[in-house]
């Protein structure tokens, strides 16, 4: 079982950027997004991050951001094996702020951290006036949108398969956390 607690990270800094120059997302309550989210809003750049973007899934059409531990550590308890944290992004998808969060989690917890692009690049940024129509096109399973593309449940399966098969992480050592989808 994943033994680390997730806590608030007030000291993380990316390229010495200041939070006042990069306000939180407009849908987030004031004060809810402090550090480590000091990277620019909406940007998707790998210039100052620890991880990589990788395409996975049977069709190689699912983009993930993966950060590996700084050292090849298994955990404080050598018997528990490698650990991972599966991060569900907010409606803005894969972007620098999420990358910074993943990097911080990997650094502090010695875990692999993976965030997935459930929206295939078509984030809320592209849908400022039709949010509910857009979000309904990203159902959890096929029953909610028969014939619709990319149910989230299948993407979750792809990420779990990737972590277990490509990195040898036991599924019992995978934790998850997620951010707001606005519904």
N, C-alpha and C. Protein backbone atom coordinates (compact mmCIF):
# COMPACT_ATOMS: atom_id res chain seq x y z
N UNK A 1 0.85 -1.18 0.00
CA UNK A 1 0.00 0.00 0.00
C UNK A 1 0.88 1.23 0.00
N UNK A 2 0.51 2.21 -0.77
CA UNK A 2 1.26 3.45 -0.86
C UNK A 2 1.25 4.14 0.49
N UNK A 3 2.41 4.42 1.05
CA UNK A 3 2.52 4.88 2.43
C UNK A 3 2.76 6.37 2.61
N UNK A 4 2.88 7.13 1.55
CA UNK A 4 3.20 8.55 1.69
C UNK A 4 1.93 9.38 1.81
N UNK A 5 2.02 10.46 2.56
CA UNK A 5 0.90 11.39 2.60
C UNK A 5 1.18 12.52 1.62
N UNK A 6 0.15 13.02 1.00
CA UNK A 6 0.30 14.14 0.09
C UNK A 6 0.08 15.40 0.90
N UNK A 7 0.95 16.35 0.74
CA UNK A 7 0.85 17.58 1.50
C UNK A 7 1.02 18.79 0.59
N UNK A 8 0.83 19.93 1.12
CA UNK A 8 0.95 21.18 0.40
C UNK A 8 2.42 21.52 0.20
N UNK A 9 2.80 21.98 -0.98
CA UNK A 9 4.19 22.24 -1.32
C UNK A 9 4.43 23.72 -1.55
N UNK A 10 4.68 24.50 -0.51
CA UNK A 10 4.81 25.94 -0.69
C UNK A 10 6.13 26.41 -1.26
N UNK A 11 7.15 25.55 -1.41
CA UNK A 11 8.46 26.04 -1.79
C UNK A 11 8.87 25.75 -3.23
N UNK A 12 8.06 25.10 -4.02
CA UNK A 12 8.47 24.71 -5.37
C UNK A 12 8.55 25.93 -6.29
N UNK A 13 9.58 25.98 -7.11
CA UNK A 13 9.78 27.12 -8.00
C UNK A 13 10.29 26.62 -9.35
N UNK A 14 9.69 27.04 -10.43
CA UNK A 14 10.11 26.67 -11.78
C UNK A 14 10.64 27.93 -12.44
N UNK A 15 11.93 27.93 -12.77
CA UNK A 15 12.57 29.07 -13.44
C UNK A 15 12.35 30.38 -12.70
N UNK A 16 12.24 30.32 -11.38
CA UNK A 16 12.05 31.51 -10.56
C UNK A 16 10.85 32.35 -10.98
N UNK A 17 9.85 31.71 -11.56
CA UNK A 17 8.64 32.44 -11.94
C UNK A 17 7.82 32.72 -10.69
N UNK A 18 7.14 33.84 -10.66
CA UNK A 18 6.37 34.24 -9.49
C UNK A 18 4.89 34.00 -9.73
N UNK A 19 4.19 33.53 -8.70
CA UNK A 19 2.77 33.23 -8.80
C UNK A 19 1.95 34.46 -9.20
N UNK A 20 2.33 35.65 -8.70
CA UNK A 20 1.55 36.84 -9.02
C UNK A 20 1.56 37.15 -10.52
N UNK A 21 2.55 36.66 -11.25
CA UNK A 21 2.60 36.84 -12.70
C UNK A 21 1.83 35.75 -13.45
N UNK A 22 1.41 34.75 -12.74
CA UNK A 22 0.73 33.60 -13.34
C UNK A 22 -0.45 33.21 -12.46
N UNK A 23 -1.55 33.94 -12.55
CA UNK A 23 -2.67 33.69 -11.66
C UNK A 23 -3.27 32.31 -11.86
N UNK A 24 -3.98 31.80 -10.82
CA UNK A 24 -4.64 30.50 -10.94
C UNK A 24 -5.68 30.52 -12.07
N UNK A 25 -6.12 29.34 -12.45
CA UNK A 25 -7.16 29.24 -13.47
C UNK A 25 -8.39 30.01 -13.00
N UNK A 26 -9.12 30.59 -13.92
CA UNK A 26 -10.25 31.44 -13.58
C UNK A 26 -11.36 30.68 -12.85
N UNK A 27 -11.45 29.38 -13.03
CA UNK A 27 -12.52 28.62 -12.38
C UNK A 27 -12.15 28.17 -10.97
N UNK A 28 -10.91 28.35 -10.54
CA UNK A 28 -10.47 27.91 -9.23
C UNK A 28 -10.73 29.00 -8.19
N UNK A 29 -11.15 28.60 -6.98
CA UNK A 29 -11.36 29.60 -5.93
C UNK A 29 -10.08 30.36 -5.63
N UNK A 30 -10.22 31.64 -5.33
CA UNK A 30 -9.06 32.49 -5.02
C UNK A 30 -8.25 31.87 -3.88
N UNK A 31 -6.95 31.78 -4.10
CA UNK A 31 -6.05 31.24 -3.08
C UNK A 31 -5.90 29.73 -3.10
N UNK A 32 -6.63 29.04 -3.97
CA UNK A 32 -6.57 27.58 -3.95
C UNK A 32 -5.37 27.01 -4.70
N UNK A 33 -4.79 27.78 -5.58
CA UNK A 33 -3.64 27.29 -6.36
C UNK A 33 -2.42 28.15 -6.08
N UNK A 34 -1.70 27.80 -5.06
CA UNK A 34 -0.44 28.46 -4.78
C UNK A 34 0.66 27.57 -5.35
N UNK A 35 1.89 27.73 -4.90
CA UNK A 35 2.99 26.88 -5.36
C UNK A 35 2.59 25.43 -5.13
N UNK A 36 2.99 24.46 -5.94
CA UNK A 36 4.03 24.53 -6.93
C UNK A 36 3.57 25.05 -8.28
N UNK A 37 2.38 25.55 -8.36
CA UNK A 37 1.85 25.91 -9.66
C UNK A 37 2.28 27.31 -10.06
N UNK A 38 3.56 27.44 -10.33
CA UNK A 38 4.13 28.74 -10.67
C UNK A 38 4.49 28.82 -12.15
N UNK A 39 4.22 27.79 -12.89
CA UNK A 39 4.49 27.80 -14.33
C UNK A 39 3.36 28.53 -15.04
N UNK A 40 3.61 28.95 -16.25
CA UNK A 40 2.63 29.75 -16.97
C UNK A 40 1.35 28.99 -17.30
N UNK A 41 0.25 29.69 -17.25
CA UNK A 41 -1.06 29.12 -17.51
C UNK A 41 -1.18 28.71 -18.97
N UNK A 42 -1.67 27.52 -19.22
CA UNK A 42 -1.96 27.08 -20.57
C UNK A 42 -0.76 26.65 -21.40
N UNK A 43 0.44 26.91 -20.91
CA UNK A 43 1.63 26.55 -21.68
C UNK A 43 1.88 25.05 -21.60
N UNK A 44 2.48 24.52 -22.64
CA UNK A 44 2.85 23.11 -22.66
C UNK A 44 4.26 23.03 -23.22
N UNK A 45 5.23 23.13 -22.31
CA UNK A 45 6.63 23.15 -22.70
C UNK A 45 7.39 22.22 -21.77
N UNK A 46 8.33 21.48 -22.30
CA UNK A 46 9.13 20.58 -21.48
C UNK A 46 10.50 21.18 -21.15
N UNK A 47 10.65 22.48 -21.33
CA UNK A 47 11.94 23.12 -21.13
C UNK A 47 12.51 23.02 -19.74
N UNK A 48 11.70 23.02 -18.71
CA UNK A 48 12.23 23.06 -17.34
C UNK A 48 11.66 21.95 -16.47
N UNK A 49 11.20 20.89 -17.07
CA UNK A 49 10.58 19.83 -16.29
C UNK A 49 11.47 18.59 -16.25
N UNK A 50 11.13 17.67 -15.35
CA UNK A 50 11.90 16.44 -15.18
C UNK A 50 11.41 15.31 -16.08
N UNK A 51 10.16 15.34 -16.46
CA UNK A 51 9.55 14.20 -17.14
C UNK A 51 9.54 14.30 -18.65
N UNK A 52 8.79 13.38 -19.25
CA UNK A 52 8.68 13.29 -20.70
C UNK A 52 7.24 13.04 -21.11
N UNK A 53 6.91 13.44 -22.32
CA UNK A 53 5.62 13.10 -22.91
C UNK A 53 5.80 11.81 -23.70
N UNK A 54 4.87 10.87 -23.50
CA UNK A 54 4.95 9.55 -24.12
C UNK A 54 3.56 9.21 -24.66
N UNK A 55 3.51 8.59 -25.82
CA UNK A 55 2.25 8.11 -26.38
C UNK A 55 2.09 6.64 -26.00
N UNK A 56 0.93 6.29 -25.43
CA UNK A 56 0.68 4.90 -25.02
C UNK A 56 -0.67 4.44 -25.54
N UNK A 57 -1.05 3.23 -25.15
CA UNK A 57 -2.33 2.66 -25.56
C UNK A 57 -2.15 1.79 -26.79
N UNK A 58 -3.16 1.00 -27.09
CA UNK A 58 -3.07 0.07 -28.22
C UNK A 58 -2.87 0.78 -29.55
N UNK A 59 -3.39 2.00 -29.66
CA UNK A 59 -3.25 2.78 -30.90
C UNK A 59 -2.18 3.86 -30.78
N UNK A 60 -1.49 3.90 -29.64
CA UNK A 60 -0.49 4.94 -29.37
C UNK A 60 -1.08 6.33 -29.59
N UNK A 61 -2.32 6.52 -29.11
CA UNK A 61 -3.00 7.80 -29.29
C UNK A 61 -3.32 8.50 -27.97
N UNK A 62 -2.77 7.98 -26.89
CA UNK A 62 -3.03 8.55 -25.57
C UNK A 62 -1.72 9.13 -25.04
N UNK A 63 -1.69 10.46 -24.90
CA UNK A 63 -0.47 11.12 -24.43
C UNK A 63 -0.47 11.18 -22.91
N UNK A 64 0.69 10.84 -22.35
CA UNK A 64 0.88 10.96 -20.91
C UNK A 64 2.15 11.76 -20.65
N UNK A 65 2.18 12.35 -19.48
CA UNK A 65 3.41 12.96 -18.96
C UNK A 65 3.87 12.06 -17.85
N UNK A 66 5.11 11.59 -17.93
CA UNK A 66 5.63 10.71 -16.86
C UNK A 66 6.92 11.28 -16.32
N UNK A 67 6.98 11.32 -14.99
CA UNK A 67 8.16 11.74 -14.26
C UNK A 67 8.63 10.55 -13.45
N UNK A 68 9.91 10.30 -13.51
CA UNK A 68 10.48 9.18 -12.76
C UNK A 68 11.14 9.72 -11.50
N UNK A 69 11.28 8.87 -10.48
CA UNK A 69 11.98 9.32 -9.27
C UNK A 69 13.39 9.79 -9.61
N UNK A 70 13.92 10.71 -8.82
CA UNK A 70 15.27 11.20 -9.07
C UNK A 70 16.31 10.10 -8.98
N UNK A 71 16.08 9.17 -8.07
CA UNK A 71 16.97 8.02 -7.92
C UNK A 71 16.13 6.77 -8.12
N UNK A 72 16.79 5.67 -8.41
CA UNK A 72 16.06 4.42 -8.57
C UNK A 72 15.75 3.86 -7.19
N UNK A 73 14.78 4.49 -6.55
CA UNK A 73 14.38 4.05 -5.21
C UNK A 73 13.11 3.23 -5.32
N UNK A 74 12.93 2.35 -4.36
CA UNK A 74 11.68 1.60 -4.35
C UNK A 74 10.73 2.22 -3.35
N UNK A 75 11.17 2.49 -2.16
CA UNK A 75 10.38 3.18 -1.14
C UNK A 75 11.14 3.10 0.17
N UNK A 76 10.57 3.67 1.21
CA UNK A 76 11.18 3.57 2.52
C UNK A 76 11.18 2.11 2.98
N UNK A 77 10.19 1.36 2.57
CA UNK A 77 10.09 -0.05 2.91
C UNK A 77 10.52 -0.86 1.68
N UNK A 78 11.70 -1.43 1.72
CA UNK A 78 12.26 -2.13 0.57
C UNK A 78 11.36 -3.25 0.07
N UNK A 79 10.51 -3.78 0.90
CA UNK A 79 9.65 -4.90 0.49
C UNK A 79 8.44 -4.45 -0.33
N UNK A 80 8.16 -3.17 -0.37
CA UNK A 80 6.94 -2.72 -1.03
C UNK A 80 7.12 -2.49 -2.53
N UNK A 81 8.33 -2.38 -3.04
CA UNK A 81 8.56 -2.22 -4.46
C UNK A 81 8.37 -0.80 -4.95
N UNK A 82 8.46 -0.64 -6.28
CA UNK A 82 8.29 0.67 -6.90
C UNK A 82 6.86 1.17 -6.68
N UNK A 83 6.75 2.50 -6.63
CA UNK A 83 5.44 3.12 -6.43
C UNK A 83 5.15 4.13 -7.52
N UNK A 84 3.87 4.39 -7.75
CA UNK A 84 3.47 5.37 -8.75
C UNK A 84 2.27 6.17 -8.25
N UNK A 85 2.16 7.37 -8.76
CA UNK A 85 1.00 8.22 -8.50
C UNK A 85 0.40 8.55 -9.86
N UNK A 86 -0.88 8.28 -10.01
CA UNK A 86 -1.62 8.49 -11.24
C UNK A 86 -2.39 9.80 -11.05
N UNK A 87 -2.07 10.81 -11.84
CA UNK A 87 -2.67 12.14 -11.68
C UNK A 87 -3.71 12.37 -12.78
N UNK A 88 -4.93 12.66 -12.34
CA UNK A 88 -6.01 13.01 -13.25
C UNK A 88 -6.00 14.53 -13.39
N UNK A 89 -5.73 15.06 -14.58
CA UNK A 89 -5.62 16.51 -14.74
C UNK A 89 -6.97 17.22 -14.63
N UNK A 90 -6.91 18.52 -14.51
CA UNK A 90 -8.14 19.31 -14.56
C UNK A 90 -8.57 19.48 -16.02
N UNK A 91 -9.57 20.30 -16.25
CA UNK A 91 -10.12 20.48 -17.60
C UNK A 91 -9.16 21.16 -18.56
N UNK A 92 -8.01 21.62 -18.06
CA UNK A 92 -7.02 22.25 -18.92
C UNK A 92 -5.99 21.25 -19.43
N UNK A 93 -6.09 20.00 -19.02
CA UNK A 93 -5.25 18.94 -19.55
C UNK A 93 -3.79 19.04 -19.16
N UNK A 94 -2.95 18.51 -20.03
CA UNK A 94 -1.51 18.50 -19.79
C UNK A 94 -0.94 19.88 -20.07
N UNK A 95 -0.35 20.48 -19.05
CA UNK A 95 0.26 21.80 -19.19
C UNK A 95 1.32 21.97 -18.11
N UNK A 96 2.08 23.04 -18.21
CA UNK A 96 3.22 23.24 -17.32
C UNK A 96 2.86 23.18 -15.84
N UNK A 97 1.74 23.73 -15.46
CA UNK A 97 1.37 23.70 -14.04
C UNK A 97 1.22 22.26 -13.55
N UNK A 98 0.62 21.42 -14.36
CA UNK A 98 0.47 20.01 -13.99
C UNK A 98 1.83 19.31 -13.99
N UNK A 99 2.68 19.63 -14.96
CA UNK A 99 4.01 19.04 -15.01
C UNK A 99 4.78 19.37 -13.73
N UNK A 100 4.69 20.62 -13.27
CA UNK A 100 5.38 21.04 -12.04
C UNK A 100 4.87 20.25 -10.84
N UNK A 101 3.57 20.03 -10.78
CA UNK A 101 2.99 19.26 -9.68
C UNK A 101 3.50 17.81 -9.72
N UNK A 102 3.50 17.21 -10.90
CA UNK A 102 3.98 15.84 -11.05
C UNK A 102 5.46 15.73 -10.65
N UNK A 103 6.26 16.68 -11.09
CA UNK A 103 7.68 16.68 -10.75
C UNK A 103 7.89 16.75 -9.24
N UNK A 104 7.12 17.60 -8.60
CA UNK A 104 7.24 17.76 -7.14
C UNK A 104 6.86 16.48 -6.42
N UNK A 105 5.78 15.85 -6.86
CA UNK A 105 5.37 14.59 -6.24
C UNK A 105 6.45 13.51 -6.41
N UNK A 106 7.01 13.41 -7.61
CA UNK A 106 8.06 12.41 -7.87
C UNK A 106 9.28 12.67 -6.99
N UNK A 107 9.66 13.93 -6.90
CA UNK A 107 10.83 14.30 -6.12
C UNK A 107 10.62 14.01 -4.63
N UNK A 108 9.48 14.40 -4.10
CA UNK A 108 9.23 14.28 -2.67
C UNK A 108 8.88 12.87 -2.22
N UNK A 109 8.31 12.07 -3.11
CA UNK A 109 7.83 10.75 -2.69
C UNK A 109 8.59 9.60 -3.34
N UNK A 110 9.57 9.88 -4.19
CA UNK A 110 10.35 8.82 -4.79
C UNK A 110 9.51 7.88 -5.62
N UNK A 111 8.49 8.43 -6.26
CA UNK A 111 7.54 7.61 -7.03
C UNK A 111 7.55 8.04 -8.50
N UNK A 112 7.16 7.11 -9.35
CA UNK A 112 6.84 7.47 -10.73
C UNK A 112 5.53 8.24 -10.67
N UNK A 113 5.39 9.28 -11.46
CA UNK A 113 4.16 10.05 -11.49
C UNK A 113 3.74 10.20 -12.94
N UNK A 114 2.48 9.88 -13.22
CA UNK A 114 1.99 9.94 -14.59
C UNK A 114 0.69 10.73 -14.62
N UNK A 115 0.60 11.66 -15.56
CA UNK A 115 -0.63 12.41 -15.82
C UNK A 115 -1.06 12.08 -17.24
N UNK A 116 -2.36 11.99 -17.46
CA UNK A 116 -2.87 11.51 -18.74
C UNK A 116 -3.72 12.58 -19.43
N UNK A 117 -3.66 12.62 -20.74
CA UNK A 117 -4.45 13.57 -21.53
C UNK A 117 -5.76 12.90 -21.97
N UNK A 118 -6.73 12.86 -21.08
CA UNK A 118 -8.04 12.26 -21.39
C UNK A 118 -8.73 12.99 -22.54
N UNK A 119 -8.39 14.26 -22.75
CA UNK A 119 -9.08 15.10 -23.73
C UNK A 119 -8.42 15.10 -25.10
N UNK A 120 -7.31 14.39 -25.24
CA UNK A 120 -6.58 14.30 -26.51
C UNK A 120 -6.26 15.70 -27.07
N UNK A 121 -5.84 16.61 -26.18
CA UNK A 121 -5.45 17.95 -26.59
C UNK A 121 -6.60 18.93 -26.76
N UNK A 122 -7.82 18.45 -26.74
CA UNK A 122 -9.00 19.31 -26.92
C UNK A 122 -9.55 19.69 -25.55
N UNK A 123 -8.89 20.65 -24.90
CA UNK A 123 -9.22 21.01 -23.52
C UNK A 123 -10.30 22.08 -23.44
N UNK A 124 -10.64 22.45 -22.22
CA UNK A 124 -11.64 23.49 -21.99
C UNK A 124 -11.22 24.82 -22.63
N UNK A 125 -9.93 25.04 -22.78
CA UNK A 125 -9.47 26.28 -23.42
C UNK A 125 -10.11 26.46 -24.79
N UNK A 126 -10.41 25.37 -25.47
CA UNK A 126 -11.02 25.42 -26.80
C UNK A 126 -12.54 25.52 -26.76
N UNK A 127 -13.11 25.50 -25.55
CA UNK A 127 -14.58 25.46 -25.42
C UNK A 127 -15.09 26.42 -24.34
N UNK A 128 -14.80 27.69 -24.45
CA UNK A 128 -15.21 28.63 -23.40
C UNK A 128 -16.72 28.83 -23.31
N UNK A 129 -17.46 28.56 -24.37
CA UNK A 129 -18.91 28.81 -24.35
C UNK A 129 -19.76 27.55 -24.38
N UNK A 130 -19.14 26.39 -24.57
CA UNK A 130 -19.92 25.15 -24.65
C UNK A 130 -19.38 24.06 -23.72
N UNK A 131 -19.04 24.47 -22.50
CA UNK A 131 -18.40 23.56 -21.54
C UNK A 131 -19.17 22.26 -21.35
N UNK A 132 -20.45 22.33 -21.06
CA UNK A 132 -21.21 21.11 -20.74
C UNK A 132 -21.35 20.19 -21.95
N UNK A 133 -21.47 20.75 -23.13
CA UNK A 133 -21.48 19.92 -24.34
C UNK A 133 -20.13 19.24 -24.51
N UNK A 134 -19.05 20.00 -24.31
CA UNK A 134 -17.70 19.46 -24.46
C UNK A 134 -17.42 18.37 -23.43
N UNK A 135 -17.70 18.63 -22.16
CA UNK A 135 -17.37 17.65 -21.12
C UNK A 135 -18.19 16.37 -21.28
N UNK A 136 -19.39 16.47 -21.83
CA UNK A 136 -20.21 15.27 -22.03
C UNK A 136 -19.60 14.34 -23.09
N UNK A 137 -18.68 14.84 -23.88
CA UNK A 137 -18.01 14.02 -24.89
C UNK A 137 -16.83 13.26 -24.32
N UNK A 138 -16.63 13.37 -23.02
CA UNK A 138 -15.53 12.67 -22.34
C UNK A 138 -16.11 11.84 -21.19
N UNK A 139 -16.92 10.83 -21.53
CA UNK A 139 -17.59 10.04 -20.49
C UNK A 139 -16.62 9.09 -19.80
N UNK A 140 -17.04 8.62 -18.64
CA UNK A 140 -16.23 7.65 -17.93
C UNK A 140 -16.22 6.31 -18.66
N UNK A 141 -17.38 5.88 -19.11
CA UNK A 141 -17.42 4.59 -19.82
C UNK A 141 -18.31 4.68 -21.06
N UNK A 142 -18.30 3.62 -21.84
CA UNK A 142 -19.04 3.61 -23.11
C UNK A 142 -20.55 3.71 -22.91
N UNK A 143 -21.05 3.28 -21.78
CA UNK A 143 -22.50 3.33 -21.53
C UNK A 143 -23.02 4.76 -21.47
N UNK A 144 -22.18 5.70 -21.06
CA UNK A 144 -22.58 7.09 -20.94
C UNK A 144 -22.60 7.81 -22.28
N UNK A 145 -21.90 7.29 -23.26
CA UNK A 145 -21.84 7.90 -24.57
C UNK A 145 -21.56 6.80 -25.60
N UNK A 146 -22.56 5.95 -25.88
CA UNK A 146 -22.35 4.84 -26.80
C UNK A 146 -21.80 5.32 -28.15
N UNK A 147 -20.75 4.67 -28.59
CA UNK A 147 -20.14 5.04 -29.86
C UNK A 147 -19.24 6.24 -29.79
N UNK A 148 -19.19 6.88 -28.63
CA UNK A 148 -18.34 8.07 -28.47
C UNK A 148 -16.87 7.68 -28.37
N UNK A 149 -16.00 8.63 -28.64
CA UNK A 149 -14.57 8.33 -28.60
C UNK A 149 -13.99 8.30 -27.19
N UNK A 150 -13.02 7.50 -26.98
CA UNK A 150 -12.14 7.53 -25.82
C UNK A 150 -12.82 7.58 -24.45
N UNK A 151 -13.53 6.55 -24.04
CA UNK A 151 -14.04 6.59 -22.67
C UNK A 151 -12.88 6.62 -21.67
N UNK A 152 -13.03 7.42 -20.64
CA UNK A 152 -11.99 7.59 -19.64
C UNK A 152 -11.59 6.26 -19.03
N UNK A 153 -12.53 5.36 -18.80
CA UNK A 153 -12.22 4.08 -18.17
C UNK A 153 -11.19 3.29 -18.98
N UNK A 154 -11.26 3.34 -20.30
CA UNK A 154 -10.28 2.63 -21.13
C UNK A 154 -8.91 3.31 -21.06
N UNK A 155 -8.91 4.63 -20.96
CA UNK A 155 -7.64 5.34 -20.80
C UNK A 155 -6.99 4.99 -19.47
N UNK A 156 -7.79 4.87 -18.42
CA UNK A 156 -7.27 4.46 -17.11
C UNK A 156 -6.62 3.09 -17.23
N UNK A 157 -7.31 2.17 -17.89
CA UNK A 157 -6.74 0.82 -18.09
C UNK A 157 -5.41 0.88 -18.84
N UNK A 158 -5.32 1.75 -19.85
CA UNK A 158 -4.07 1.88 -20.62
C UNK A 158 -2.93 2.38 -19.75
N UNK A 159 -3.21 3.34 -18.89
CA UNK A 159 -2.17 3.88 -18.01
C UNK A 159 -1.73 2.83 -17.00
N UNK A 160 -2.68 2.12 -16.41
CA UNK A 160 -2.32 1.08 -15.44
C UNK A 160 -1.49 -0.02 -16.11
N UNK A 161 -1.87 -0.40 -17.31
CA UNK A 161 -1.10 -1.40 -18.05
C UNK A 161 0.31 -0.90 -18.33
N UNK A 162 0.43 0.35 -18.74
CA UNK A 162 1.73 0.95 -19.02
C UNK A 162 2.62 0.93 -17.77
N UNK A 163 2.07 1.35 -16.63
CA UNK A 163 2.87 1.39 -15.41
C UNK A 163 3.30 0.00 -14.96
N UNK A 164 2.40 -0.97 -15.05
CA UNK A 164 2.74 -2.32 -14.60
C UNK A 164 3.68 -3.03 -15.57
N UNK A 165 3.45 -2.90 -16.86
CA UNK A 165 4.25 -3.63 -17.84
C UNK A 165 5.55 -2.92 -18.21
N UNK A 166 5.52 -1.62 -18.37
CA UNK A 166 6.73 -0.90 -18.80
C UNK A 166 7.66 -0.54 -17.65
N UNK A 167 7.12 -0.42 -16.44
CA UNK A 167 7.95 0.02 -15.31
C UNK A 167 7.95 -0.96 -14.15
N UNK A 168 7.25 -2.09 -14.28
CA UNK A 168 7.28 -3.12 -13.25
C UNK A 168 6.69 -2.69 -11.93
N UNK A 169 5.69 -1.83 -11.97
CA UNK A 169 5.05 -1.35 -10.75
C UNK A 169 3.82 -2.20 -10.47
N UNK A 170 3.76 -2.79 -9.29
CA UNK A 170 2.61 -3.60 -8.89
C UNK A 170 1.40 -2.69 -8.75
N UNK A 171 0.26 -3.14 -9.23
CA UNK A 171 -0.94 -2.30 -9.20
C UNK A 171 -1.35 -1.90 -7.78
N UNK A 172 -0.95 -2.67 -6.78
CA UNK A 172 -1.27 -2.30 -5.40
C UNK A 172 -0.40 -1.15 -4.90
N UNK A 173 0.60 -0.76 -5.67
CA UNK A 173 1.48 0.36 -5.31
C UNK A 173 1.21 1.60 -6.15
N UNK A 174 0.00 1.72 -6.68
CA UNK A 174 -0.36 2.88 -7.48
C UNK A 174 -1.44 3.67 -6.75
N UNK A 175 -1.13 4.92 -6.46
CA UNK A 175 -2.09 5.84 -5.83
C UNK A 175 -2.65 6.74 -6.92
N UNK A 176 -3.71 7.46 -6.61
CA UNK A 176 -4.30 8.38 -7.59
C UNK A 176 -4.70 9.67 -6.90
N UNK A 177 -4.67 10.75 -7.67
CA UNK A 177 -5.21 12.02 -7.23
C UNK A 177 -5.73 12.74 -8.46
N UNK A 178 -6.67 13.61 -8.25
CA UNK A 178 -7.25 14.28 -9.40
C UNK A 178 -7.63 15.71 -9.11
N UNK A 179 -7.84 16.44 -10.21
CA UNK A 179 -8.20 17.84 -10.15
C UNK A 179 -9.56 18.07 -10.78
N UNK A 180 -10.10 19.23 -10.63
CA UNK A 180 -11.47 19.56 -10.97
C UNK A 180 -11.80 19.49 -12.47
N UNK A 181 -12.94 18.85 -12.75
CA UNK A 181 -13.48 18.84 -14.12
C UNK A 181 -14.68 19.77 -14.21
N UNK A 182 -14.94 20.50 -13.16
CA UNK A 182 -15.97 21.55 -13.22
C UNK A 182 -17.41 21.09 -13.17
N UNK A 183 -17.64 19.83 -12.87
CA UNK A 183 -19.02 19.33 -12.81
C UNK A 183 -19.28 18.64 -11.50
